């Protein structure tokens, strides 16, 4: 090749490099900004997921505390009624047990709404009610079993 062609090729490459340099710089800069933006989005999503998990945990804890408190109160009032029945007195003259039962049912329903998969709720109230009912009817054969009541609620989160 002669020197004229080589000079022309060098000039074309030089001009092409000069023209493509700003385009290449802009492309590399936009790519870096895009990667930075994606990284920021991932960090924001991780922060949001962490906050949601903390809120969910707090909501589950609050539900657990409310359910446990209402179950304890309901069991205590049922035991008082049971002891009153065993003594021959009339149980629950002011309706506290019924109010506690309604509160327990409401908190139990809320616990189911929180997340049935996340909150494992096992409640043993029917046996206590059945025992209390036997004593309330005055069944002589079941009077000895009236003092045996299972715990009202076992809740695990």
Protein backbone atom coordinates (compact mmCIF):
# COMPACT_ATOMS: atom_id res chain seq x y z
CA UNK A 1 0.00 0.00 0.00
CA UNK A 2 1.16 3.38 -0.70
CA UNK A 3 1.54 6.13 1.79
CA UNK A 4 -1.47 8.04 0.50
CA UNK A 5 -3.88 5.19 1.33
CA UNK A 6 -2.29 4.67 4.71
CA UNK A 7 -2.58 8.38 5.46
CA UNK A 8 -6.23 8.29 4.40
CA UNK A 9 -6.95 5.30 6.66
CA UNK A 10 -5.24 6.98 9.62
CA UNK A 11 -7.26 10.13 8.99
CA UNK A 12 -10.56 8.15 8.78
CA UNK A 13 -9.79 6.27 11.99
CA UNK A 14 -8.84 9.53 13.72
CA UNK A 15 -12.00 11.30 12.59
CA UNK A 16 -14.16 8.26 13.53
CA UNK A 17 -12.51 8.11 16.96
CA UNK A 18 -13.04 11.79 17.48
CA UNK A 19 -16.72 11.53 16.49
CA UNK A 20 -17.41 8.32 18.44
CA UNK A 21 -15.61 9.36 21.66
CA UNK A 22 -18.47 11.55 23.01
CA UNK A 23 -21.05 8.89 22.07
CA UNK A 24 -19.05 6.16 23.80
CA UNK A 25 -18.54 8.36 26.87
CA UNK A 26 -22.26 9.12 27.05
CA UNK A 27 -23.14 5.44 26.69
CA UNK A 28 -20.72 4.38 29.45
CA UNK A 29 -22.01 7.18 31.71
CA UNK A 30 -25.66 6.24 31.16
CA UNK A 31 -24.84 2.60 31.81
CA UNK A 32 -23.15 3.53 35.11
CA UNK A 33 -26.13 5.70 36.11
CA UNK A 34 -28.55 2.88 35.22
CA UNK A 35 -26.58 0.39 37.33
CA UNK A 36 -26.48 2.85 40.23
CA UNK A 37 -30.25 3.41 39.91
CA UNK A 38 -30.92 -0.35 39.89
CA UNK A 39 -28.70 -0.81 42.93
CA UNK A 40 -30.58 1.97 44.74
CA UNK A 41 -33.93 0.38 43.80
CA UNK A 42 -32.79 -3.00 45.17
CA UNK A 43 -31.65 -1.34 48.40
CA UNK A 44 -35.01 0.47 48.71
CA UNK A 45 -36.92 -2.77 48.08
CA UNK A 46 -34.85 -4.57 50.70
CA UNK A 47 -35.54 -1.77 53.18
CA UNK A 48 -39.28 -1.90 52.42
CA UNK A 49 -39.33 -5.70 52.84
CA UNK A 50 -37.54 -5.39 56.16
CA UNK A 51 -39.96 -2.72 57.38
CA UNK A 52 -42.95 -4.81 56.25
CA UNK A 53 -41.55 -7.85 58.04
CA UNK A 54 -41.07 -5.82 61.23
CA UNK A 55 -44.60 -4.43 61.00
CA UNK A 56 -45.96 -7.92 60.39
CA UNK A 57 -44.06 -9.23 63.40
CA UNK A 58 -45.36 -6.40 65.58
CA UNK A 59 -48.92 -7.02 64.35
CA UNK A 60 -48.56 -10.75 65.10
CA UNK A 61 -47.15 -10.00 68.56
CA UNK A 62 -49.99 -7.59 69.34
CA UNK A 63 -52.50 -10.20 68.20
CA UNK A 64 -50.78 -12.83 70.31
CA UNK A 65 -50.85 -10.62 73.40
CA UNK A 66 -54.52 -9.73 72.90
CA UNK A 67 -55.49 -13.37 72.29
CA UNK A 68 -53.50 -14.61 75.25
CA UNK A 69 -54.96 -11.94 77.55
CA UNK A 70 -58.53 -12.55 76.50
CA UNK A 71 -58.08 -16.33 76.77
CA UNK A 72 -56.63 -15.97 80.26
CA UNK A 73 -59.46 -13.69 81.36
CA UNK A 74 -62.10 -16.00 79.87
CA UNK A 75 -60.55 -19.05 81.56
CA UNK A 76 -60.31 -17.23 84.90
CA UNK A 77 -63.95 -16.16 84.77
CA UNK A 78 -65.05 -19.67 83.77
CA UNK A 79 -63.09 -21.08 86.70
CA UNK A 80 -64.79 -18.59 89.05
CA UNK A 81 -68.18 -19.65 87.67
CA UNK A 82 -67.23 -23.29 88.06
CA UNK A 83 -66.18 -22.75 91.67
CA UNK A 84 -69.42 -20.87 92.31
CA UNK A 85 -71.41 -23.76 90.83
CA UNK A 86 -69.55 -26.25 93.00
CA UNK A 87 -70.42 -24.16 96.06
CA UNK A 88 -74.04 -24.03 94.94
CA UNK A 89 -74.06 -20.30 94.19
CA UNK A 90 -75.32 -18.68 91.02
CA UNK A 91 -72.48 -18.01 88.58
CA UNK A 92 -71.80 -14.74 86.77
CA UNK A 93 -74.57 -12.50 87.95
CA UNK A 94 -73.25 -9.46 86.06
CA UNK A 95 -72.41 -11.11 82.70
CA UNK A 96 -68.63 -10.75 82.83
CA UNK A 97 -68.08 -14.28 81.52
CA UNK A 98 -70.23 -13.64 78.47
CA UNK A 99 -68.40 -10.39 77.77
CA UNK A 100 -65.07 -12.19 78.16
CA UNK A 101 -66.29 -14.95 75.83
CA UNK A 102 -67.27 -12.41 73.16
CA UNK A 103 -63.92 -10.63 73.54
CA UNK A 104 -62.10 -13.95 73.27
CA UNK A 105 -64.06 -14.86 70.13
CA UNK A 106 -63.27 -11.49 68.58
CA UNK A 107 -59.55 -11.73 69.29
CA UNK A 108 -59.54 -15.33 68.07
CA UNK A 109 -61.11 -14.16 64.80
CA UNK A 110 -58.54 -11.36 64.52
CA UNK A 111 -55.75 -13.89 65.08
CA UNK A 112 -57.12 -15.89 62.18
CA UNK A 113 -57.22 -12.76 60.03
CA UNK A 114 -53.60 -11.82 60.78
CA UNK A 115 -52.24 -14.80 58.98
CA UNK A 116 -53.53 -18.30 59.38
CA UNK A 117 -50.29 -19.72 58.02
CA UNK A 118 -48.04 -17.67 60.31
CA UNK A 119 -50.04 -17.88 63.51
CA UNK A 120 -50.67 -21.36 64.89
CA UNK A 121 -53.60 -21.14 67.30
CA UNK A 122 -54.82 -24.07 69.37
CA UNK A 123 -57.64 -23.42 71.80
CA UNK A 124 -59.12 -25.86 74.29
CA UNK A 125 -62.25 -24.10 75.46
CA UNK A 126 -65.05 -26.54 74.53
CA UNK A 127 -63.84 -29.11 77.07
CA UNK A 128 -63.91 -26.49 79.81
CA UNK A 129 -67.40 -25.39 78.80
CA UNK A 130 -68.54 -29.02 78.69
CA UNK A 131 -67.18 -29.63 82.20
CA UNK A 132 -68.79 -26.45 83.46
CA UNK A 133 -72.07 -27.47 81.85
CA UNK A 134 -72.06 -30.83 83.64
CA UNK A 135 -71.50 -29.16 86.97
CA UNK A 136 -74.14 -26.56 86.17
CA UNK A 137 -76.76 -29.24 85.54
CA UNK A 138 -75.88 -30.87 88.84
CA UNK A 139 -75.00 -34.26 87.36
CA UNK A 140 -73.94 -36.24 90.40
CA UNK A 141 -71.82 -38.64 88.36
CA UNK A 142 -69.73 -35.84 86.92
CA UNK A 143 -69.41 -33.68 90.04
CA UNK A 144 -65.99 -35.14 90.87
CA UNK A 145 -64.60 -34.12 87.47
CA UNK A 146 -65.65 -30.48 87.78
CA UNK A 147 -62.34 -29.40 89.28
CA UNK A 148 -60.40 -30.77 86.30
CA UNK A 149 -60.28 -28.11 83.60
CA UNK A 150 -57.68 -27.94 80.83
CA UNK A 151 -55.87 -24.73 80.19
CA UNK A 152 -57.92 -22.46 78.01
CA UNK A 153 -55.50 -21.52 75.28
CA UNK A 154 -52.12 -22.45 73.94
CA UNK A 155 -50.89 -19.98 71.37
CA UNK A 156 -47.62 -20.14 69.49
CA UNK A 157 -46.25 -17.59 67.07
